[in-house]
N, C-alpha and C. Protein backbone atom coordinates (compact mmCIF):
# COMPACT_ATOMS: atom_id res chain seq x y z
N UNK A 1 27.50 56.96 -116.44
CA UNK A 1 27.13 58.28 -116.88
C UNK A 1 25.80 58.76 -116.28
N UNK A 2 25.23 58.00 -115.40
CA UNK A 2 23.99 58.40 -114.75
C UNK A 2 24.18 59.73 -114.02
N UNK A 3 25.37 59.94 -113.47
CA UNK A 3 25.62 61.18 -112.74
C UNK A 3 25.54 62.40 -113.64
N UNK A 4 25.89 62.24 -114.94
CA UNK A 4 25.76 63.37 -115.87
C UNK A 4 24.29 63.70 -116.11
N UNK A 5 23.46 62.68 -116.18
CA UNK A 5 22.02 62.91 -116.32
C UNK A 5 21.50 63.66 -115.10
N UNK A 6 21.99 63.30 -113.93
CA UNK A 6 21.58 64.00 -112.71
C UNK A 6 22.00 65.46 -112.74
N UNK A 7 23.16 65.76 -113.32
CA UNK A 7 23.60 67.15 -113.43
C UNK A 7 22.55 67.96 -114.19
N UNK A 8 22.16 67.48 -115.36
CA UNK A 8 21.22 68.24 -116.18
C UNK A 8 19.80 68.22 -115.59
N UNK A 9 19.42 67.11 -115.00
CA UNK A 9 18.11 67.05 -114.35
C UNK A 9 18.05 68.04 -113.18
N UNK A 10 19.10 68.07 -112.38
CA UNK A 10 19.14 68.97 -111.24
C UNK A 10 19.18 70.43 -111.65
N UNK A 11 20.03 70.77 -112.64
CA UNK A 11 20.11 72.15 -113.10
C UNK A 11 18.78 72.62 -113.69
N UNK A 12 18.12 71.72 -114.41
CA UNK A 12 16.81 72.06 -114.97
C UNK A 12 15.80 72.30 -113.86
N UNK A 13 15.78 71.41 -112.87
CA UNK A 13 14.83 71.55 -111.76
C UNK A 13 15.09 72.83 -110.96
N UNK A 14 16.36 73.13 -110.67
CA UNK A 14 16.69 74.36 -109.95
C UNK A 14 16.26 75.59 -110.75
N UNK A 15 16.51 75.57 -112.05
CA UNK A 15 16.14 76.69 -112.90
C UNK A 15 14.63 76.90 -112.92
N UNK A 16 13.88 75.81 -113.06
CA UNK A 16 12.43 75.92 -113.07
C UNK A 16 11.89 76.35 -111.70
N UNK A 17 12.52 75.88 -110.64
CA UNK A 17 12.09 76.27 -109.28
C UNK A 17 12.26 77.78 -109.10
N UNK A 18 13.36 78.31 -109.62
CA UNK A 18 13.63 79.74 -109.46
C UNK A 18 12.71 80.57 -110.36
N UNK A 19 12.58 80.17 -111.61
CA UNK A 19 11.81 80.97 -112.57
C UNK A 19 10.31 80.93 -112.31
N UNK A 20 9.83 79.76 -111.89
CA UNK A 20 8.39 79.61 -111.67
C UNK A 20 8.00 79.75 -110.20
N UNK A 21 9.03 79.90 -109.34
CA UNK A 21 8.80 79.93 -107.89
C UNK A 21 7.97 78.72 -107.46
N UNK A 22 8.39 77.57 -107.95
CA UNK A 22 7.64 76.33 -107.81
C UNK A 22 8.21 75.44 -106.71
N UNK A 23 7.38 75.10 -105.75
CA UNK A 23 7.79 74.17 -104.69
C UNK A 23 8.01 72.78 -105.27
N UNK A 24 7.21 72.41 -106.27
CA UNK A 24 7.36 71.10 -106.90
C UNK A 24 8.76 70.94 -107.50
N UNK A 25 9.21 71.96 -108.25
CA UNK A 25 10.52 71.86 -108.89
C UNK A 25 11.65 72.00 -107.87
N UNK A 26 11.44 72.80 -106.84
CA UNK A 26 12.45 72.90 -105.78
C UNK A 26 12.61 71.55 -105.09
N UNK A 27 11.50 70.90 -104.81
CA UNK A 27 11.55 69.58 -104.18
C UNK A 27 12.30 68.58 -105.06
N UNK A 28 12.01 68.61 -106.37
CA UNK A 28 12.70 67.70 -107.29
C UNK A 28 14.20 67.99 -107.32
N UNK A 29 14.54 69.27 -107.36
CA UNK A 29 15.96 69.66 -107.38
C UNK A 29 16.67 69.16 -106.13
N UNK A 30 16.03 69.31 -104.99
CA UNK A 30 16.64 68.88 -103.73
C UNK A 30 16.75 67.36 -103.65
N UNK A 31 15.81 66.64 -104.26
CA UNK A 31 15.91 65.17 -104.32
C UNK A 31 17.12 64.74 -105.13
N UNK A 32 17.31 65.37 -106.27
CA UNK A 32 18.47 65.05 -107.12
C UNK A 32 19.76 65.42 -106.39
N UNK A 33 19.75 66.57 -105.71
CA UNK A 33 20.93 67.00 -104.96
C UNK A 33 21.28 66.00 -103.86
N UNK A 34 20.26 65.48 -103.17
CA UNK A 34 20.49 64.50 -102.13
C UNK A 34 21.11 63.22 -102.70
N UNK A 35 20.62 62.80 -103.85
CA UNK A 35 21.18 61.61 -104.52
C UNK A 35 22.66 61.82 -104.82
N UNK A 36 22.99 62.99 -105.36
CA UNK A 36 24.38 63.29 -105.71
C UNK A 36 25.23 63.40 -104.43
N UNK A 37 24.68 64.02 -103.39
CA UNK A 37 25.41 64.12 -102.11
C UNK A 37 25.76 62.72 -101.57
N UNK A 38 24.82 61.80 -101.67
CA UNK A 38 25.07 60.42 -101.21
C UNK A 38 26.18 59.76 -102.02
N UNK A 39 26.20 60.02 -103.32
CA UNK A 39 27.27 59.47 -104.15
C UNK A 39 28.62 60.03 -103.73
N UNK A 40 28.66 61.33 -103.47
CA UNK A 40 29.91 61.96 -103.03
C UNK A 40 30.35 61.35 -101.69
N UNK A 41 29.41 61.21 -100.77
CA UNK A 41 29.74 60.65 -99.45
C UNK A 41 30.21 59.20 -99.54
N UNK A 42 29.77 58.49 -100.59
CA UNK A 42 30.22 57.11 -100.76
C UNK A 42 31.50 57.00 -101.56
N UNK A 43 32.09 58.18 -101.92
CA UNK A 43 33.41 58.18 -102.54
C UNK A 43 33.45 58.48 -104.02
N UNK A 44 32.34 58.85 -104.64
CA UNK A 44 32.34 59.14 -106.07
C UNK A 44 32.93 60.52 -106.32
N UNK A 45 34.17 60.55 -106.78
CA UNK A 45 34.84 61.83 -107.03
C UNK A 45 34.23 62.54 -108.24
N UNK A 46 33.63 61.80 -109.16
CA UNK A 46 33.02 62.41 -110.34
C UNK A 46 31.87 63.34 -109.98
N UNK A 47 31.27 63.14 -108.83
CA UNK A 47 30.07 63.89 -108.45
C UNK A 47 30.35 65.13 -107.61
N UNK A 48 31.59 65.31 -107.18
CA UNK A 48 31.89 66.47 -106.33
C UNK A 48 31.59 67.79 -107.03
N UNK A 49 31.95 67.89 -108.28
CA UNK A 49 31.71 69.12 -109.04
C UNK A 49 30.21 69.35 -109.22
N UNK A 50 29.47 68.30 -109.48
CA UNK A 50 28.02 68.42 -109.64
C UNK A 50 27.41 68.95 -108.35
N UNK A 51 27.87 68.44 -107.23
CA UNK A 51 27.37 68.91 -105.94
C UNK A 51 27.69 70.39 -105.75
N UNK A 52 28.86 70.83 -106.20
CA UNK A 52 29.20 72.25 -106.12
C UNK A 52 28.23 73.10 -106.93
N UNK A 53 27.89 72.63 -108.14
CA UNK A 53 26.91 73.34 -108.97
C UNK A 53 25.58 73.45 -108.21
N UNK A 54 25.13 72.31 -107.66
CA UNK A 54 23.83 72.28 -106.99
C UNK A 54 23.81 73.17 -105.74
N UNK A 55 24.91 73.19 -105.01
CA UNK A 55 24.96 74.04 -103.82
C UNK A 55 24.84 75.51 -104.21
N UNK A 56 25.47 75.90 -105.31
CA UNK A 56 25.35 77.28 -105.80
C UNK A 56 23.91 77.56 -106.24
N UNK A 57 23.31 76.63 -106.96
CA UNK A 57 21.95 76.80 -107.43
C UNK A 57 20.96 76.88 -106.27
N UNK A 58 21.18 76.06 -105.25
CA UNK A 58 20.28 76.07 -104.09
C UNK A 58 20.33 77.42 -103.39
N UNK A 59 21.52 77.97 -103.20
CA UNK A 59 21.66 79.27 -102.57
C UNK A 59 21.01 80.36 -103.43
N UNK A 60 21.12 80.23 -104.75
CA UNK A 60 20.55 81.22 -105.65
C UNK A 60 19.02 81.28 -105.58
N UNK A 61 18.41 80.23 -105.07
CA UNK A 61 16.95 80.23 -104.91
C UNK A 61 16.49 81.25 -103.86
N UNK A 62 17.35 81.56 -102.92
CA UNK A 62 16.99 82.46 -101.82
C UNK A 62 17.32 83.90 -102.18
N UNK A 63 16.33 84.76 -102.05
CA UNK A 63 16.54 86.19 -102.31
C UNK A 63 17.59 86.73 -101.33
N UNK A 64 18.45 87.59 -101.84
CA UNK A 64 19.47 88.21 -101.00
C UNK A 64 20.72 87.38 -100.82
N UNK A 65 20.82 86.25 -101.48
CA UNK A 65 21.98 85.36 -101.33
C UNK A 65 22.89 85.39 -102.56
N UNK A 66 22.80 86.46 -103.34
CA UNK A 66 23.57 86.55 -104.57
C UNK A 66 25.07 86.42 -104.34
N UNK A 67 25.57 87.07 -103.30
CA UNK A 67 27.02 87.05 -103.03
C UNK A 67 27.48 85.62 -102.72
N UNK A 68 26.72 84.91 -101.94
CA UNK A 68 27.08 83.52 -101.59
C UNK A 68 27.00 82.64 -102.83
N UNK A 69 25.96 82.82 -103.64
CA UNK A 69 25.83 82.02 -104.87
C UNK A 69 27.01 82.28 -105.81
N UNK A 70 27.40 83.54 -105.96
CA UNK A 70 28.56 83.87 -106.81
C UNK A 70 29.82 83.18 -106.28
N UNK A 71 30.01 83.24 -104.96
CA UNK A 71 31.18 82.62 -104.34
C UNK A 71 31.19 81.12 -104.64
N UNK A 72 30.05 80.48 -104.50
CA UNK A 72 29.97 79.03 -104.74
C UNK A 72 30.20 78.70 -106.22
N UNK A 73 29.63 79.52 -107.11
CA UNK A 73 29.86 79.27 -108.53
C UNK A 73 31.31 79.55 -108.92
N UNK A 74 31.92 80.59 -108.34
CA UNK A 74 33.33 80.85 -108.63
C UNK A 74 34.21 79.71 -108.14
N UNK A 75 33.85 79.09 -107.02
CA UNK A 75 34.58 77.92 -106.53
C UNK A 75 34.44 76.76 -107.52
N UNK A 76 33.24 76.58 -108.06
CA UNK A 76 33.03 75.52 -109.06
C UNK A 76 33.84 75.80 -110.31
N UNK A 77 33.87 77.06 -110.74
CA UNK A 77 34.66 77.43 -111.93
C UNK A 77 36.14 77.15 -111.69
N UNK A 78 36.63 77.50 -110.51
CA UNK A 78 38.04 77.23 -110.19
C UNK A 78 38.33 75.74 -110.19
N UNK A 79 37.40 74.97 -109.64
CA UNK A 79 37.58 73.52 -109.59
C UNK A 79 37.61 72.92 -110.99
N UNK A 80 36.72 73.38 -111.87
CA UNK A 80 36.72 72.86 -113.24
C UNK A 80 38.00 73.24 -113.97
N UNK A 81 38.54 74.41 -113.66
CA UNK A 81 39.80 74.84 -114.28
C UNK A 81 40.94 73.92 -113.85
N UNK A 82 41.00 73.64 -112.54
CA UNK A 82 42.08 72.77 -112.04
C UNK A 82 41.98 71.35 -112.61
N UNK A 83 40.74 70.88 -112.81
CA UNK A 83 40.54 69.51 -113.30
C UNK A 83 40.61 69.42 -114.82
N UNK A 84 40.55 70.56 -115.50
CA UNK A 84 40.64 70.57 -116.96
C UNK A 84 39.32 70.25 -117.65
N UNK A 85 38.21 70.41 -116.95
CA UNK A 85 36.90 70.12 -117.53
C UNK A 85 36.36 71.37 -118.23
N UNK A 86 36.77 71.55 -119.47
CA UNK A 86 36.44 72.75 -120.24
C UNK A 86 34.93 72.92 -120.39
N UNK A 87 34.22 71.84 -120.70
CA UNK A 87 32.77 71.92 -120.91
C UNK A 87 32.03 72.27 -119.62
N UNK A 88 32.49 71.75 -118.49
CA UNK A 88 31.86 72.08 -117.22
C UNK A 88 32.18 73.52 -116.80
N UNK A 89 33.37 73.97 -117.12
CA UNK A 89 33.73 75.36 -116.83
C UNK A 89 32.85 76.31 -117.65
N UNK A 90 32.62 75.94 -118.91
CA UNK A 90 31.73 76.74 -119.76
C UNK A 90 30.32 76.77 -119.18
N UNK A 91 29.83 75.61 -118.76
CA UNK A 91 28.48 75.52 -118.19
C UNK A 91 28.37 76.34 -116.91
N UNK A 92 29.36 76.27 -116.05
CA UNK A 92 29.34 77.03 -114.79
C UNK A 92 29.33 78.54 -115.09
N UNK A 93 30.13 78.97 -116.05
CA UNK A 93 30.13 80.39 -116.43
C UNK A 93 28.78 80.80 -117.01
N UNK A 94 28.19 79.92 -117.81
CA UNK A 94 26.88 80.24 -118.37
C UNK A 94 25.82 80.36 -117.28
N UNK A 95 25.81 79.43 -116.33
CA UNK A 95 24.80 79.45 -115.26
C UNK A 95 24.93 80.70 -114.40
N UNK A 96 26.14 81.03 -113.96
CA UNK A 96 26.29 82.22 -113.11
C UNK A 96 26.02 83.48 -113.94
N UNK A 97 26.37 83.47 -115.21
CA UNK A 97 26.05 84.61 -116.07
C UNK A 97 24.55 84.83 -116.20
N UNK A 98 23.81 83.75 -116.36
CA UNK A 98 22.35 83.86 -116.45
C UNK A 98 21.75 84.33 -115.12
N UNK A 99 22.33 83.87 -114.02
CA UNK A 99 21.87 84.34 -112.72
C UNK A 99 22.14 85.83 -112.56
N UNK A 100 23.32 86.27 -112.98
CA UNK A 100 23.64 87.71 -112.89
C UNK A 100 22.65 88.54 -113.70
N UNK A 101 22.23 88.02 -114.85
CA UNK A 101 21.21 88.72 -115.64
C UNK A 101 19.91 88.85 -114.84
N UNK A 102 19.49 87.76 -114.20
CA UNK A 102 18.27 87.79 -113.39
C UNK A 102 18.39 88.79 -112.26
N UNK A 103 19.60 88.95 -111.72
CA UNK A 103 19.83 89.87 -110.60
C UNK A 103 20.03 91.31 -111.08
N UNK A 104 20.11 91.53 -112.40
CA UNK A 104 20.30 92.87 -112.93
C UNK A 104 21.74 93.34 -112.95
N UNK A 105 22.69 92.43 -112.76
CA UNK A 105 24.12 92.77 -112.78
C UNK A 105 24.66 92.46 -114.18
N UNK A 106 24.48 93.43 -115.09
CA UNK A 106 24.82 93.23 -116.49
C UNK A 106 26.32 93.17 -116.74
N UNK A 107 27.10 93.86 -115.94
CA UNK A 107 28.56 93.84 -116.12
C UNK A 107 29.10 92.45 -115.82
N UNK A 108 28.71 91.87 -114.69
CA UNK A 108 29.15 90.51 -114.35
C UNK A 108 28.57 89.50 -115.33
N UNK A 109 27.32 89.69 -115.71
CA UNK A 109 26.69 88.78 -116.68
C UNK A 109 27.50 88.75 -117.97
N UNK A 110 27.90 89.93 -118.44
CA UNK A 110 28.69 90.01 -119.67
C UNK A 110 29.99 89.23 -119.53
N UNK A 111 30.67 89.41 -118.40
CA UNK A 111 31.94 88.72 -118.16
C UNK A 111 31.74 87.20 -118.21
N UNK A 112 30.78 86.69 -117.45
CA UNK A 112 30.59 85.24 -117.37
C UNK A 112 30.07 84.65 -118.68
N UNK A 113 29.12 85.33 -119.31
CA UNK A 113 28.55 84.78 -120.55
C UNK A 113 29.55 84.83 -121.69
N UNK A 114 30.38 85.86 -121.73
CA UNK A 114 31.43 85.91 -122.76
C UNK A 114 32.46 84.80 -122.51
N UNK A 115 32.79 84.58 -121.25
CA UNK A 115 33.71 83.48 -120.93
C UNK A 115 33.10 82.14 -121.34
N UNK A 116 31.82 81.97 -121.06
CA UNK A 116 31.13 80.73 -121.45
C UNK A 116 31.19 80.55 -122.96
N UNK A 117 30.89 81.61 -123.69
CA UNK A 117 30.92 81.54 -125.16
C UNK A 117 32.31 81.14 -125.65
N UNK A 118 33.34 81.78 -125.10
CA UNK A 118 34.71 81.48 -125.53
C UNK A 118 35.11 80.04 -125.18
N UNK A 119 34.71 79.57 -124.01
CA UNK A 119 35.03 78.21 -123.59
C UNK A 119 34.29 77.17 -124.44
N UNK A 120 33.01 77.44 -124.72
CA UNK A 120 32.26 76.53 -125.60
C UNK A 120 32.91 76.48 -126.98
N UNK A 121 33.36 77.63 -127.48
CA UNK A 121 34.02 77.66 -128.78
C UNK A 121 35.31 76.85 -128.75
N UNK A 122 36.09 77.03 -127.69
CA UNK A 122 37.34 76.28 -127.55
C UNK A 122 37.07 74.78 -127.48
N UNK A 123 35.99 74.40 -126.83
CA UNK A 123 35.63 72.99 -126.68
C UNK A 123 35.08 72.42 -127.98
N UNK A 124 34.61 73.29 -128.88
CA UNK A 124 34.05 72.85 -130.15
C UNK A 124 32.53 72.83 -130.18
N UNK A 125 31.90 73.37 -129.15
CA UNK A 125 30.44 73.43 -129.09
C UNK A 125 29.98 74.74 -129.73
N UNK A 126 30.10 74.79 -131.03
CA UNK A 126 29.86 76.02 -131.78
C UNK A 126 28.39 76.44 -131.71
N UNK A 127 27.47 75.49 -131.71
CA UNK A 127 26.04 75.84 -131.69
C UNK A 127 25.67 76.62 -130.43
N UNK A 128 26.14 76.17 -129.29
CA UNK A 128 25.81 76.88 -128.04
C UNK A 128 26.55 78.23 -127.99
N UNK A 129 27.77 78.27 -128.51
CA UNK A 129 28.50 79.54 -128.57
C UNK A 129 27.75 80.53 -129.46
N UNK A 130 27.25 80.05 -130.59
CA UNK A 130 26.46 80.92 -131.48
C UNK A 130 25.17 81.37 -130.80
N UNK A 131 24.54 80.47 -130.06
CA UNK A 131 23.31 80.82 -129.34
C UNK A 131 23.59 81.92 -128.31
N UNK A 132 24.71 81.80 -127.59
CA UNK A 132 25.06 82.84 -126.63
C UNK A 132 25.30 84.17 -127.33
N UNK A 133 25.96 84.13 -128.49
CA UNK A 133 26.17 85.36 -129.26
C UNK A 133 24.85 85.99 -129.68
N UNK A 134 23.95 85.16 -130.20
CA UNK A 134 22.67 85.67 -130.69
C UNK A 134 21.83 86.26 -129.56
N UNK A 135 21.89 85.65 -128.40
CA UNK A 135 21.01 86.06 -127.30
C UNK A 135 21.61 87.07 -126.33
N UNK A 136 22.94 87.18 -126.32
CA UNK A 136 23.57 88.04 -125.31
C UNK A 136 24.64 88.97 -125.86
N UNK A 137 24.78 89.04 -127.16
CA UNK A 137 25.85 89.85 -127.75
C UNK A 137 25.80 91.31 -127.30
N UNK A 138 24.60 91.83 -127.07
CA UNK A 138 24.50 93.24 -126.66
C UNK A 138 25.20 93.49 -125.34
N UNK A 139 25.41 92.45 -124.55
CA UNK A 139 26.09 92.62 -123.27
C UNK A 139 27.56 92.96 -123.43
N UNK A 140 28.19 92.43 -124.46
CA UNK A 140 29.63 92.68 -124.58
C UNK A 140 29.99 93.62 -125.72
N UNK A 141 29.00 94.31 -126.28
CA UNK A 141 29.30 95.37 -127.23
C UNK A 141 29.77 96.60 -126.46
N UNK A 142 30.72 97.37 -127.01
CA UNK A 142 31.20 98.56 -126.29
C UNK A 142 30.08 99.58 -126.10
N UNK A 143 30.16 100.28 -124.98
CA UNK A 143 29.24 101.39 -124.66
C UNK A 143 27.79 100.97 -124.57
N UNK A 144 27.54 99.73 -124.10
CA UNK A 144 26.17 99.32 -123.87
C UNK A 144 26.06 98.77 -122.47
N UNK A 145 24.85 98.78 -121.97
CA UNK A 145 24.61 98.22 -120.63
C UNK A 145 24.04 96.82 -120.74
N UNK A 146 23.73 96.38 -121.95
CA UNK A 146 23.11 95.09 -122.13
C UNK A 146 21.59 95.16 -122.06
N UNK A 147 21.07 96.34 -121.87
CA UNK A 147 19.63 96.51 -121.79
C UNK A 147 19.13 96.94 -123.15
N UNK A 148 18.21 96.15 -123.69
CA UNK A 148 17.64 96.48 -124.98
C UNK A 148 16.75 97.71 -124.86
N UNK A 149 16.80 98.59 -125.83
CA UNK A 149 15.95 99.79 -125.81
C UNK A 149 14.80 99.65 -126.76
């Protein structure tokens, strides 16, 4: 299960690198990504999806790469659907939804975050589904843009 720890460590590092514009956190994220890439190259099928997440997150660090990041995250979402990994599909939807919020694309953010909420609920992760409702419900209310007034 070490690879699962790497998933959360890497996602945290990528998120902090983006939010704080930190070279330290970007370096840490890339170190974790390299470790996962080596596992994939040595035949660990469990790590392929994690590498897909990290590739999307890495692209999202670069301004102007939103379309590529969306494409990579949509590929990860498709892969989790084919493999039946409900919790990873929820996480991928949540991550791209949060990125869409950062980019100011509230319509896409609403779609992805609502999907994440529904998937977490289906998986039984009610606390995170409730958190998404509390923090992002304005995005999926009718006749709103998701922007608080």
